Structure formats: C-alpha cells, structure tokens
Amino acid sequence: RVLLSTGQLNVTEPGTITCRYHGVTLNKEGKCTDIIVEGPDSKNCSKMQVRKFPLEEVGGIVWIYMGTKKPQSVLDSVPYAREILVRNPYVHRVRIPTSHLNVLDNHIDLAHPNILHRTCIPFSSQKLYGNIKITPREEWGVRADVTDDGVPHAGKFHINAIEWFLPNFLYFPKNGAFEGSLGGWHLPVPGSIRDGTAWFILTAPEKRNRLHAIMD
C-alpha cells in the first residue's frame, strides 16, 4: 500500500516512475520495466502492469480522464471549458473542513443561496426569496434561474442562475458578483472523510484584482 505518487521519477530512464518500496519501475504506458530489488535479471517485469489514464493540460490545469470510453478533449467534453479555459482562468483553492459528501448535497440544493450565502460577499445582496425555475439539461444536469417576482436584489453582489452538472460541479453564469466575466466552476474534491478541497476556476480578466479580493 505504498503510494506510487511518492515514487521517484526518471531513476532508470526518462519518463519512468519508481516505487520507493521495492523499486518497481513503470514507464508511461504503465508497463513494468525494472524491479530494482530483484536486479537486472528479474523475470517478473512482464507480469506486472498498472492502468494508465489519459491526461491533458488545458488552461494550466492537468485533467485526467478516468472513464472507460474513448476520451474526448477537455475543451469539447467539459461544459463551458472552451469559454473559460482559453481566457487565462483564475484558479483558487480552499480547504473545506467537512466531508465532500456534504458539499455534494449542498450543490444539488439549488434554492439555498438566498439564505445560506447572504453572509458571503459574492452573494451578500441576494434577495431572501424568489421563484426558482428548474430546466433539465439534455445530457448533464439542471439549470436553476431565480425568476422575476417583483423583488429586486439589494445590490450588485448576487446570482441569478446556477447550472449543476454531473458528476457534481457548479457553473456560475455571467451575472451579479461575476459581472464582467464568463462565469466559472466550483468543484469539490474529496480528501478524507472529514475534509476536502474546493476548487474555483473562474474567468474574469478585466476585474481580476476585485475577484481575488472577493475570493480571499
């Protein structure tokens, strides 16, 4: 159970990773090329292999495809990727001191920002109530819009819509606190059962300083 991610790179040749436990060395295809503890005549190399996963670097972010189908490019397969990632995205990471399962439950509840997030600067002008219109997405999930019910937002820091996509991440359309941007994503990543990481990937090149202050 030694993590291969703690291994050493390029020990036997460029492009390999070597496990620190017994020196099992794998190339980029996932094939075992050496088992250092057994010496150069090891007969077990051909018996060992790990699964490899396609990856792609887009927008300064490394994307790993862990599915079973033939992978498509990130720009063509991830919703709004082409709009966000090609425009110098702003990436912000926050530790969340709770299980990511709580965040997933929070994501699917698309009516809660009116109450819960009024203490957060990006949503501090959110009106307390309003009709929520839910529109199913053909392939990915649902979109929720706060419909016009005669009750205006108190100021510019608010959201009018959220889109929720499988497996579970949010897209904030261009509105309110993200005025001047193309919107962005919020992705929860599991850590332990007690904590995780929230990633915000946003595009707001003309108002980057203000966005940085809001997110911090």
C-alpha atoms as a PDB file:
ATOM      1  CA  ARG A   1       0.000   0.000   0.000  1.00  0.00           C
ATOM      2  CA  VAL A   2       2.858   2.390  -0.669  1.00  0.00           C
ATOM      3  CA  LEU A   3       1.565   5.252  -2.802  1.00  0.00           C
ATOM      4  CA  LEU A   4       3.123   5.348  -6.234  1.00  0.00           C
ATOM      5  CA  SER A   5       2.705   9.121  -6.144  1.00  0.00           C
ATOM      6  CA  THR A   6       5.562   9.216  -3.603  1.00  0.00           C
ATOM      7  CA  GLY A   7       7.880   7.415  -6.022  1.00  0.00           C
ATOM      8  CA  GLN A   8      10.960   8.795  -7.761  1.00  0.00           C
ATOM      9  CA  LEU A   9      10.978   9.970 -11.358  1.00  0.00           C
ATOM     10  CA  ASN A  10      13.491   9.079 -14.060  1.00  0.00           C
ATOM     11  CA  VAL A  11      15.552   6.658 -11.932  1.00  0.00           C
ATOM     12  CA  THR A  12      16.281   4.125 -14.676  1.00  0.00           C
ATOM     13  CA  GLU A  13      15.381   6.186 -17.751  1.00  0.00           C
ATOM     14  CA  PRO A  14      13.444   9.359 -18.596  1.00  0.00           C
ATOM     15  CA  GLY A  15       9.676   9.046 -18.297  1.00  0.00           C
ATOM     16  CA  THR A  16       9.603   6.355 -15.620  1.00  0.00           C
ATOM     17  CA  ILE A  17       8.422   6.320 -12.026  1.00  0.00           C
ATOM     18  CA  THR A  18       9.964   4.020  -9.405  1.00  0.00           C
ATOM     19  CA  CYS A  19       8.187   2.831  -6.271  1.00  0.00           C
ATOM     20  CA  ARG A  20      10.215   3.599  -3.147  1.00  0.00           C
ATOM     21  CA  TYR A  21       9.377   0.253  -1.549  1.00  0.00           C
ATOM     22  CA  HIS A  22      10.924  -2.384  -3.829  1.00  0.00           C
ATOM     23  CA  GLY A  23      11.982  -0.308  -6.803  1.00  0.00           C
ATOM     24  CA  VAL A  24       9.218  -1.446  -9.148  1.00  0.00           C
ATOM     25  CA  THR A  25       9.694   0.872 -12.130  1.00  0.00           C
ATOM     26  CA  LEU A  26       6.928   1.702 -14.604  1.00  0.00           C
ATOM     27  CA  ASN A  27       7.030   3.550 -17.905  1.00  0.00           C
ATOM     28  CA  LYS A  28       4.412   5.955 -19.269  1.00  0.00           C
ATOM     29  CA  GLU A  29       2.433   3.040 -20.703  1.00  0.00           C
ATOM     30  CA  GLY A  30       2.091   1.530 -17.220  1.00  0.00           C
ATOM     31  CA  LYS A  31       4.373  -1.405 -18.070  1.00  0.00           C
ATOM     32  CA  CYS A  32       6.968  -2.621 -15.594  1.00  0.00           C
ATOM     33  CA  THR A  33      10.486  -2.172 -16.990  1.00  0.00           C
ATOM     34  CA  ASP A  34      12.558  -2.892 -13.853  1.00  0.00           C
ATOM     35  CA  ILE A  35      12.254  -4.322 -10.361  1.00  0.00           C
ATOM     36  CA  ILE A  36      15.383  -2.910  -8.803  1.00  0.00           C
ATOM     37  CA  VAL A  37      15.361  -5.085  -5.689  1.00  0.00           C
ATOM     38  CA  GLU A  38      15.487  -8.199  -7.924  1.00  0.00           C
ATOM     39  CA  GLY A  39      18.295  -6.954 -10.140  1.00  0.00           C
ATOM     40  CA  PRO A  40      18.596  -6.793 -13.939  1.00  0.00           C
ATOM     41  CA  ASP A  41      17.621 -10.432 -14.483  1.00  0.00           C
ATOM     42  CA  SER A  42      14.177 -10.168 -12.867  1.00  0.00           C
ATOM     43  CA  LYS A  43      11.630 -12.397 -14.598  1.00  0.00           C
ATOM     44  CA  ASN A  44       8.646 -10.668 -13.001  1.00  0.00           C
ATOM     45  CA  CYS A  45       8.679  -7.459 -15.050  1.00  0.00           C
ATOM     46  CA  SER A  46       6.456  -8.916 -17.759  1.00  0.00           C
ATOM     47  CA  LYS A  47       3.915  -9.997 -15.138  1.00  0.00           C
ATOM     48  CA  MET A  48       3.318  -6.507 -13.721  1.00  0.00           C
ATOM     49  CA  GLN A  49       1.441  -3.552 -15.154  1.00  0.00           C
ATOM     50  CA  VAL A  50      -0.712  -0.709 -13.872  1.00  0.00           C
ATOM     51  CA  ARG A  51      -3.584   1.028 -15.613  1.00  0.00           C
ATOM     52  CA  LYS A  52      -2.689   4.280 -17.333  1.00  0.00           C
ATOM     53  CA  PHE A  53      -5.043   7.236 -17.639  1.00  0.00           C
ATOM     54  CA  PRO A  54      -5.077   9.788 -20.458  1.00  0.00           C
ATOM     55  CA  LEU A  55      -4.306  13.319 -19.344  1.00  0.00           C
ATOM     56  CA  GLU A  56      -4.367  16.718 -20.952  1.00  0.00           C
ATOM     57  CA  GLU A  57      -3.094  20.087 -19.775  1.00  0.00           C
ATOM     58  CA  VAL A  58      -5.518  22.890 -20.598  1.00  0.00           C
ATOM     59  CA  GLY A  59      -5.610  26.335 -19.039  1.00  0.00           C
ATOM     60  CA  GLY A  60      -2.677  25.478 -16.777  1.00  0.00           C
ATOM     61  CA  ILE A  61      -4.664  22.611 -15.229  1.00  0.00           C
ATOM     62  CA  VAL A  62      -3.917  18.906 -15.636  1.00  0.00           C
ATOM     63  CA  TRP A  63      -7.092  16.989 -16.478  1.00  0.00           C
ATOM     64  CA  ILE A  64      -7.170  13.199 -16.034  1.00  0.00           C
ATOM     65  CA  TYR A  65      -9.770  11.035 -17.765  1.00  0.00           C
ATOM     66  CA  MET A  66     -10.683   8.032 -15.597  1.00  0.00           C
ATOM     67  CA  GLY A  67     -13.583   6.693 -17.638  1.00  0.00           C
ATOM     68  CA  THR A  68     -13.737   3.621 -19.843  1.00  0.00           C
ATOM     69  CA  LYS A  69     -14.838   5.159 -23.155  1.00  0.00           C
ATOM     70  CA  LYS A  70     -12.582   6.782 -25.703  1.00  0.00           C
ATOM     71  CA  PRO A  71     -11.697  10.177 -24.199  1.00  0.00           C
ATOM     72  CA  GLN A  72     -12.597  13.427 -25.885  1.00  0.00           C
ATOM     73  CA  SER A  73     -10.656  16.641 -25.500  1.00  0.00           C
ATOM     74  CA  VAL A  74     -11.374  18.710 -22.399  1.00  0.00           C
ATOM     75  CA  LEU A  75     -12.454  21.690 -24.495  1.00  0.00           C
ATOM     76  CA  ASP A  76     -15.057  19.584 -26.305  1.00  0.00           C
ATOM     77  CA  SER A  77     -16.348  17.436 -23.447  1.00  0.00           C
ATOM     78  CA  VAL A  78     -16.431  19.621 -20.305  1.00  0.00           C
ATOM     79  CA  PRO A  79     -19.281  22.168 -20.236  1.00  0.00           C
ATOM     80  CA  TYR A  80     -18.099  25.752 -20.895  1.00  0.00           C
ATOM     81  CA  ALA A  81     -14.454  24.653 -20.985  1.00  0.00           C
ATOM     82  CA  ARG A  82     -13.813  26.419 -24.252  1.00  0.00           C
ATOM     83  CA  GLU A  83     -15.175  29.695 -22.894  1.00  0.00           C
ATOM     84  CA  ILE A  84     -13.327  29.533 -19.561  1.00  0.00           C
ATOM     85  CA  LEU A  85     -10.019  27.748 -20.037  1.00  0.00           C
ATOM     86  CA  VAL A  86      -8.802  29.639 -23.104  1.00  0.00           C
ATOM     87  CA  ARG A  87      -9.169  33.022 -21.365  1.00  0.00           C
ATOM     88  CA  ASN A  88      -6.485  32.872 -18.656  1.00  0.00           C
ATOM     89  CA  PRO A  89      -8.595  31.264 -15.906  1.00  0.00           C
ATOM     90  CA  TYR A  90      -8.360  32.344 -12.288  1.00  0.00           C
ATOM     91  CA  VAL A  91      -7.822  29.303 -10.049  1.00  0.00           C
ATOM     92  CA  HIS A  92      -8.484  29.461  -6.312  1.00  0.00           C
ATOM     93  CA  ARG A  93      -8.280  26.542  -3.860  1.00  0.00           C
ATOM     94  CA  VAL A  94      -9.948  26.433  -0.449  1.00  0.00           C
ATOM     95  CA  ARG A  95      -9.801  23.667   2.175  1.00  0.00           C
ATOM     96  CA  ILE A  96     -13.260  22.613   3.316  1.00  0.00           C
ATOM     97  CA  PRO A  97     -13.351  21.270   6.903  1.00  0.00           C
ATOM     98  CA  THR A  98     -16.157  18.799   6.225  1.00  0.00           C
ATOM     99  CA  SER A  99     -16.812  15.728   4.137  1.00  0.00           C
ATOM    100  CA  HIS A 100     -17.109  16.383   0.401  1.00  0.00           C
ATOM    101  CA  LEU A 101     -20.408  14.486   0.626  1.00  0.00           C
ATOM    102  CA  ASN A 102     -21.873  17.490   2.423  1.00  0.00           C
ATOM    103  CA  VAL A 103     -20.743  19.709  -0.441  1.00  0.00           C
ATOM    104  CA  LEU A 104     -22.356  17.385  -2.983  1.00  0.00           C
ATOM    105  CA  ASP A 105     -25.606  17.612  -1.048  1.00  0.00           C
ATOM    106  CA  ASN A 106     -25.220  21.401  -0.989  1.00  0.00           C
ATOM    107  CA  HIS A 107     -24.691  21.519  -4.756  1.00  0.00           C
ATOM    108  CA  ILE A 108     -27.862  19.693  -5.660  1.00  0.00           C
ATOM    109  CA  ASP A 109     -29.932  22.032  -3.439  1.00  0.00           C
ATOM    110  CA  LEU A 110     -30.240  24.895  -5.919  1.00  0.00           C
ATOM    111  CA  ALA A 111     -32.547  27.065  -3.809  1.00  0.00           C
ATOM    112  CA  HIS A 112     -30.297  27.581  -0.794  1.00  0.00           C
ATOM    113  CA  PRO A 113     -28.120  30.615  -1.825  1.00  0.00           C
ATOM    114  CA  ASN A 114     -30.941  33.029  -0.963  1.00  0.00           C
ATOM    115  CA  ILE A 115     -30.463  32.202   2.718  1.00  0.00           C
ATOM    116  CA  LEU A 116     -27.163  30.471   3.367  1.00  0.00           C
ATOM    117  CA  HIS A 117     -24.841  32.573   1.233  1.00  0.00           C
ATOM    118  CA  ARG A 118     -26.092  36.050   2.123  1.00  0.00           C
ATOM    119  CA  THR A 119     -23.200  36.228   4.606  1.00  0.00           C
ATOM    120  CA  CYS A 120     -20.687  35.652   1.769  1.00  0.00           C
ATOM    121  CA  ILE A 121     -19.510  38.717  -0.140  1.00  0.00           C
ATOM    122  CA  PRO A 122     -20.251  37.377  -3.662  1.00  0.00           C
ATOM    123  CA  PHE A 123     -23.903  36.786  -2.641  1.00  0.00           C
ATOM    124  CA  SER A 124     -24.361  39.479   0.022  1.00  0.00           C
ATOM    125  CA  SER A 125     -27.064  41.291  -1.977  1.00  0.00           C
ATOM    126  CA  GLN A 126     -29.070  38.152  -2.713  1.00  0.00           C
ATOM    127  CA  LYS A 127     -32.788  38.627  -2.110  1.00  0.00           C
ATOM    128  CA  LEU A 128     -34.289  36.431   0.588  1.00  0.00           C
ATOM    129  CA  TYR A 129     -36.844  34.706  -1.600  1.00  0.00           C
ATOM    130  CA  GLY A 130     -37.894  34.266  -5.183  1.00  0.00           C
ATOM    131  CA  ASN A 131     -39.303  31.725  -7.562  1.00  0.00           C
ATOM    132  CA  ILE A 132     -36.824  29.122  -8.795  1.00  0.00           C
ATOM    133  CA  LYS A 133     -37.274  27.810 -12.319  1.00  0.00           C
ATOM    134  CA  ILE A 134     -35.624  24.435 -12.936  1.00  0.00           C
ATOM    135  CA  THR A 135     -34.703  23.494 -16.506  1.00  0.00           C
ATOM    136  CA  PRO A 136     -33.314  19.984 -17.154  1.00  0.00           C
ATOM    137  CA  ARG A 137     -30.146  19.830 -19.211  1.00  0.00           C
ATOM    138  CA  GLU A 138     -30.288  17.312 -22.023  1.00  0.00           C
ATOM    139  CA  GLU A 139     -27.118  15.437 -21.052  1.00  0.00           C
ATOM    140  CA  TRP A 140     -25.538  16.913 -17.952  1.00  0.00           C
ATOM    141  CA  GLY A 141     -27.847  18.055 -15.199  1.00  0.00           C
ATOM    142  CA  VAL A 142     -30.121  21.015 -14.438  1.00  0.00           C
ATOM    143  CA  ARG A 143     -30.153  24.808 -14.524  1.00  0.00           C
ATOM    144  CA  ALA A 144     -31.833  26.911 -11.830  1.00  0.00           C
ATOM    145  CA  ASP A 145     -32.883  30.502 -12.508  1.00  0.00           C
ATOM    146  CA  VAL A 146     -34.175  32.982  -9.954  1.00  0.00           C
ATOM    147  CA  THR A 147     -37.222  34.301 -11.813  1.00  0.00           C
ATOM    148  CA  ASP A 148     -38.533  37.857 -11.674  1.00  0.00           C
ATOM    149  CA  ASP A 149     -41.127  38.087  -8.914  1.00  0.00           C
ATOM    150  CA  GLY A 150     -41.038  41.825  -8.318  1.00  0.00           C
ATOM    151  CA  VAL A 151     -38.479  41.577  -5.524  1.00  0.00           C
ATOM    152  CA  PRO A 152     -35.174  43.064  -6.728  1.00  0.00           C
ATOM    153  CA  HIS A 153     -31.735  42.164  -5.448  1.00  0.00           C
ATOM    154  CA  ALA A 154     -30.428  44.626  -2.870  1.00  0.00           C
ATOM    155  CA  GLY A 155     -27.234  45.335  -4.828  1.00  0.00           C
ATOM    156  CA  LYS A 156     -24.766  44.039  -7.350  1.00  0.00           C
ATOM    157  CA  PHE A 157     -23.485  41.076  -5.330  1.00  0.00           C
ATOM    158  CA  HIS A 158     -25.920  38.313  -6.191  1.00  0.00           C
ATOM    159  CA  ILE A 159     -26.515  35.402  -8.535  1.00  0.00           C
ATOM    160  CA  ASN A 160     -29.406  34.932 -10.931  1.00  0.00           C
ATOM    161  CA  ALA A 161     -28.633  31.388 -12.064  1.00  0.00           C
ATOM    162  CA  ILE A 162     -26.671  28.239 -11.300  1.00  0.00           C
ATOM    163  CA  GLU A 163     -26.057  25.221 -13.507  1.00  0.00           C
ATOM    164  CA  TRP A 164     -25.377  21.826 -11.930  1.00  0.00           C
ATOM    165  CA  PHE A 165     -23.544  19.172 -13.915  1.00  0.00           C
ATOM    166  CA  LEU A 166     -22.680  15.524 -13.433  1.00  0.00           C
ATOM    167  CA  PRO A 167     -20.648  14.143 -11.756  1.00  0.00           C
ATOM    168  CA  ASN A 168     -21.090  17.119  -9.409  1.00  0.00           C
ATOM    169  CA  PHE A 169     -19.858  20.596 -10.100  1.00  0.00           C
ATOM    170  CA  LEU A 170     -21.418  24.008 -10.401  1.00  0.00           C
ATOM    171  CA  TYR A 171     -21.181  26.593 -13.140  1.00  0.00           C
ATOM    172  CA  PHE A 172     -21.877  30.215 -12.277  1.00  0.00           C
ATOM    173  CA  PRO A 173     -23.150  32.090 -15.347  1.00  0.00           C
ATOM    174  CA  LYS A 174     -22.117  35.679 -16.002  1.00  0.00           C
ATOM    175  CA  ASN A 175     -24.135  37.755 -13.545  1.00  0.00           C
ATOM    176  CA  GLY A 176     -24.019  39.621 -10.271  1.00  0.00           C
ATOM    177  CA  ALA A 177     -20.757  39.155  -8.385  1.00  0.00           C
ATOM    178  CA  PHE A 178     -19.139  37.751 -11.526  1.00  0.00           C
ATOM    179  CA  GLU A 179     -20.126  40.732 -13.673  1.00  0.00           C
ATOM    180  CA  GLY A 180     -17.591  41.243 -16.432  1.00  0.00           C
ATOM    181  CA  SER A 181     -16.680  37.572 -16.539  1.00  0.00           C
ATOM    182  CA  LEU A 182     -17.791  34.474 -18.391  1.00  0.00           C
ATOM    183  CA  GLY A 183     -18.615  32.838 -15.087  1.00  0.00           C
ATOM    184  CA  GLY A 184     -16.810  29.843 -13.658  1.00  0.00           C
ATOM    185  CA  TRP A 185     -16.863  26.472 -11.947  1.00  0.00           C
ATOM    186  CA  HIS A 186     -16.888  25.213  -8.374  1.00  0.00           C
ATOM    187  CA  LEU A 187     -15.551  21.657  -7.990  1.00  0.00           C
ATOM    188  CA  PRO A 188     -15.373  19.768  -4.647  1.00  0.00           C
ATOM    189  CA  VAL A 189     -12.533  17.262  -4.399  1.00  0.00           C
ATOM    190  CA  PRO A 190     -12.529  14.584  -1.652  1.00  0.00           C
ATOM    191  CA  GLY A 191      -9.756  14.422   0.916  1.00  0.00           C
ATOM    192  CA  SER A 192     -10.518  12.301   3.956  1.00  0.00           C
ATOM    193  CA  ILE A 193     -13.996  11.631   5.315  1.00  0.00           C
ATOM    194  CA  ARG A 194     -13.550  14.780   7.407  1.00  0.00           C
ATOM    195  CA  ASP A 195     -12.252  17.283   4.872  1.00  0.00           C
ATOM    196  CA  GLY A 196     -11.673  18.072   1.239  1.00  0.00           C
ATOM    197  CA  THR A 197     -10.783  20.849  -1.167  1.00  0.00           C
ATOM    198  CA  ALA A 198     -12.971  23.262  -3.078  1.00  0.00           C
ATOM    199  CA  TRP A 199     -11.618  24.475  -6.414  1.00  0.00           C
ATOM    200  CA  PHE A 200     -12.905  27.664  -8.021  1.00  0.00           C
ATOM    201  CA  ILE A 201     -11.945  28.074 -11.677  1.00  0.00           C
ATOM    202  CA  LEU A 202     -13.168  31.428 -12.921  1.00  0.00           C
ATOM    203  CA  THR A 203     -12.561  33.777 -15.800  1.00  0.00           C
ATOM    204  CA  ALA A 204     -12.556  37.489 -15.049  1.00  0.00           C
ATOM    205  CA  PRO A 205      -9.506  39.005 -16.743  1.00  0.00           C
ATOM    206  CA  GLU A 206     -10.706  42.613 -16.697  1.00  0.00           C
ATOM    207  CA  LYS A 207     -11.648  42.503 -12.997  1.00  0.00           C
ATOM    208  CA  ARG A 208      -9.073  40.063 -11.675  1.00  0.00           C
ATOM    209  CA  ASN A 209      -7.978  42.190  -8.691  1.00  0.00           C
ATOM    210  CA  ARG A 210     -11.534  42.617  -7.437  1.00  0.00           C
ATOM    211  CA  LEU A 211     -12.262  38.937  -7.913  1.00  0.00           C
ATOM    212  CA  HIS A 212      -9.107  37.985  -5.986  1.00  0.00           C
ATOM    213  CA  ALA A 213     -10.200  40.176  -3.079  1.00  0.00           C
ATOM    214  CA  ILE A 214     -13.677  38.645  -3.045  1.00  0.00           C
ATOM    215  CA  MET A 215     -12.416  35.059  -3.109  1.00  0.00           C
ATOM    216  CA  ASP A 216      -9.862  35.709  -0.352  1.00  0.00           C
END
